[in-house]
């Protein structure tokens, strides 16, 4: 079974790009805003990875990232942030919220795919080590 990625971005073009680039190897679920993403998560869906924009139309900047990072249910799901915000702010917030990787828009889709592969491989090794 393919690993599941939840991709959240208000740009239809970026959602399509993520679906296209990641869809060969992963099941990609997309959401246009924070509320849609939280609704999908509330249906007992737990993705293996979340890719989100730091700026979503229905929330303050970083609000979804912060909510997910402090949630007992979702904080162990690795997150990748896509951001067009100031680089220093993005670096600082990603460190603060324990984000696995971040990319400045516009980003290189191949580099994103490589990062996703690496994060999910590491996550799998970590979980295997915990079980064994």
Protein backbone atom coordinates (compact mmCIF):
# COMPACT_ATOMS: atom_id res chain seq x y z
CA UNK A 1 0.00 0.00 0.00
CA UNK A 2 1.26 3.46 -0.91
CA UNK A 3 2.15 5.87 1.87
CA UNK A 4 -0.27 8.76 2.23
CA UNK A 5 0.66 12.44 1.95
CA UNK A 6 -1.68 15.30 2.82
CA UNK A 7 -0.77 18.36 0.71
CA UNK A 8 -2.29 21.69 1.74
CA UNK A 9 -1.93 24.79 -0.44
CA UNK A 10 -4.38 27.41 -1.66
CA UNK A 11 -2.77 27.39 -5.11
CA UNK A 12 -4.47 24.95 -7.46
CA UNK A 13 -1.28 24.88 -9.58
CA UNK A 14 0.88 23.85 -6.60
CA UNK A 15 -1.62 21.16 -5.53
CA UNK A 16 -1.58 19.82 -9.09
CA UNK A 17 2.23 19.92 -9.14
CA UNK A 18 2.47 18.03 -5.82
CA UNK A 19 -0.08 15.47 -7.04
CA UNK A 20 1.88 14.99 -10.28
CA UNK A 21 5.38 14.82 -8.76
CA UNK A 22 4.50 12.72 -5.70
CA UNK A 23 1.56 10.74 -7.11
CA UNK A 24 3.69 8.06 -8.78
CA UNK A 25 5.08 6.84 -5.46
CA UNK A 26 2.53 8.08 -2.92
CA UNK A 27 -1.20 8.52 -2.44
CA UNK A 28 -1.59 12.31 -2.38
CA UNK A 29 -4.64 13.91 -0.80
CA UNK A 30 -4.91 17.65 -1.41
CA UNK A 31 -6.69 20.40 0.49
CA UNK A 32 -7.02 24.08 -0.48
CA UNK A 33 -7.05 25.45 3.09
CA UNK A 34 -6.56 24.66 6.77
CA UNK A 35 -10.23 23.92 7.51
CA UNK A 36 -10.50 21.35 4.71
CA UNK A 37 -7.29 19.72 5.93
CA UNK A 38 -8.47 19.60 9.55
CA UNK A 39 -11.84 18.22 8.42
CA UNK A 40 -10.08 15.41 6.51
CA UNK A 41 -7.84 14.69 9.52
CA UNK A 42 -10.86 14.68 11.85
CA UNK A 43 -12.28 11.70 9.89
CA UNK A 44 -9.60 9.50 11.55
CA UNK A 45 -7.24 9.92 8.59
CA UNK A 46 -3.57 9.86 9.61
CA UNK A 47 -1.23 10.57 6.71
CA UNK A 48 2.43 9.52 6.74
CA UNK A 49 3.52 13.08 5.87
CA UNK A 50 1.97 16.54 5.67
CA UNK A 51 3.11 19.17 3.17
CA UNK A 52 1.64 22.58 3.88
CA UNK A 53 1.96 26.21 2.96
CA UNK A 54 2.77 28.41 5.97
CA UNK A 55 0.19 30.93 4.69
CA UNK A 56 -3.33 29.62 4.26
CA UNK A 57 -6.32 31.79 3.32
CA UNK A 58 -8.50 30.77 6.27
CA UNK A 59 -5.87 30.95 9.04
CA UNK A 60 -3.14 33.21 10.37
CA UNK A 61 0.37 32.56 9.07
CA UNK A 62 1.85 29.43 10.69
CA UNK A 63 -1.41 28.66 12.55
CA UNK A 64 -1.95 25.21 11.00
CA UNK A 65 1.73 24.28 11.41
CA UNK A 66 1.56 25.29 15.07
CA UNK A 67 -1.72 23.42 15.69
CA UNK A 68 -0.37 20.23 14.15
CA UNK A 69 2.97 20.47 15.98
CA UNK A 70 1.38 20.77 19.44
CA UNK A 71 -1.39 18.24 18.83
CA UNK A 72 -0.93 14.94 20.65
CA UNK A 73 -2.53 13.19 17.69
CA UNK A 74 -0.60 14.80 14.82
CA UNK A 75 2.74 16.00 16.21
CA UNK A 76 4.57 12.79 15.21
CA UNK A 77 3.57 13.15 11.55
CA UNK A 78 6.54 14.71 9.74
CA UNK A 79 5.82 18.07 8.13
CA UNK A 80 7.27 19.82 5.10
CA UNK A 81 6.55 23.54 4.82
CA UNK A 82 6.34 25.47 1.55
CA UNK A 83 6.71 29.18 2.15
CA UNK A 84 7.02 32.47 0.33
CA UNK A 85 7.61 34.29 3.61
CA UNK A 86 10.90 35.80 4.77
CA UNK A 87 13.67 33.15 4.88
CA UNK A 88 14.79 34.01 8.43
CA UNK A 89 11.23 33.87 9.76
CA UNK A 90 10.65 30.56 7.95
CA UNK A 91 13.87 29.04 9.34
CA UNK A 92 13.02 30.18 12.86
CA UNK A 93 9.38 29.00 12.77
CA UNK A 94 10.31 25.63 11.26
CA UNK A 95 12.84 25.06 14.04
CA UNK A 96 10.31 26.19 16.65
CA UNK A 97 7.61 23.81 15.37
CA UNK A 98 9.87 20.83 14.61
CA UNK A 99 9.29 20.89 10.86
CA UNK A 100 11.27 18.15 9.07
CA UNK A 101 12.07 20.21 5.96
CA UNK A 102 11.08 23.48 4.33
CA UNK A 103 11.24 24.98 0.87
CA UNK A 104 10.98 28.56 -0.33
CA UNK A 105 8.55 29.16 -3.16
CA UNK A 106 9.22 28.75 -6.01
CA UNK A 107 10.78 25.37 -5.17
CA UNK A 108 12.40 22.60 -7.17
CA UNK A 109 9.91 19.67 -7.37
CA UNK A 110 12.72 17.11 -7.73
CA UNK A 111 14.40 18.36 -4.53
CA UNK A 112 11.02 18.18 -2.78
CA UNK A 113 10.50 14.58 -3.94
CA UNK A 114 14.01 13.63 -2.71
CA UNK A 115 13.32 15.25 0.68
CA UNK A 116 9.95 13.45 0.98
CA UNK A 117 11.59 10.10 0.14
CA UNK A 118 14.31 10.70 2.73
CA UNK A 119 11.89 11.80 5.48
CA UNK A 120 9.56 8.84 4.94
CA UNK A 121 12.46 6.37 4.79
CA UNK A 122 13.81 7.78 8.06
CA UNK A 123 10.32 7.66 9.63
CA UNK A 124 9.94 4.01 8.61
CA UNK A 125 13.36 3.10 10.08
CA UNK A 126 12.46 4.93 13.31
CA UNK A 127 9.15 3.12 13.65
CA UNK A 128 10.75 -0.25 12.86
CA UNK A 129 13.40 0.39 15.53
CA UNK A 130 10.68 1.24 18.09
CA UNK A 131 8.79 -1.98 17.36
CA UNK A 132 11.88 -4.18 17.27
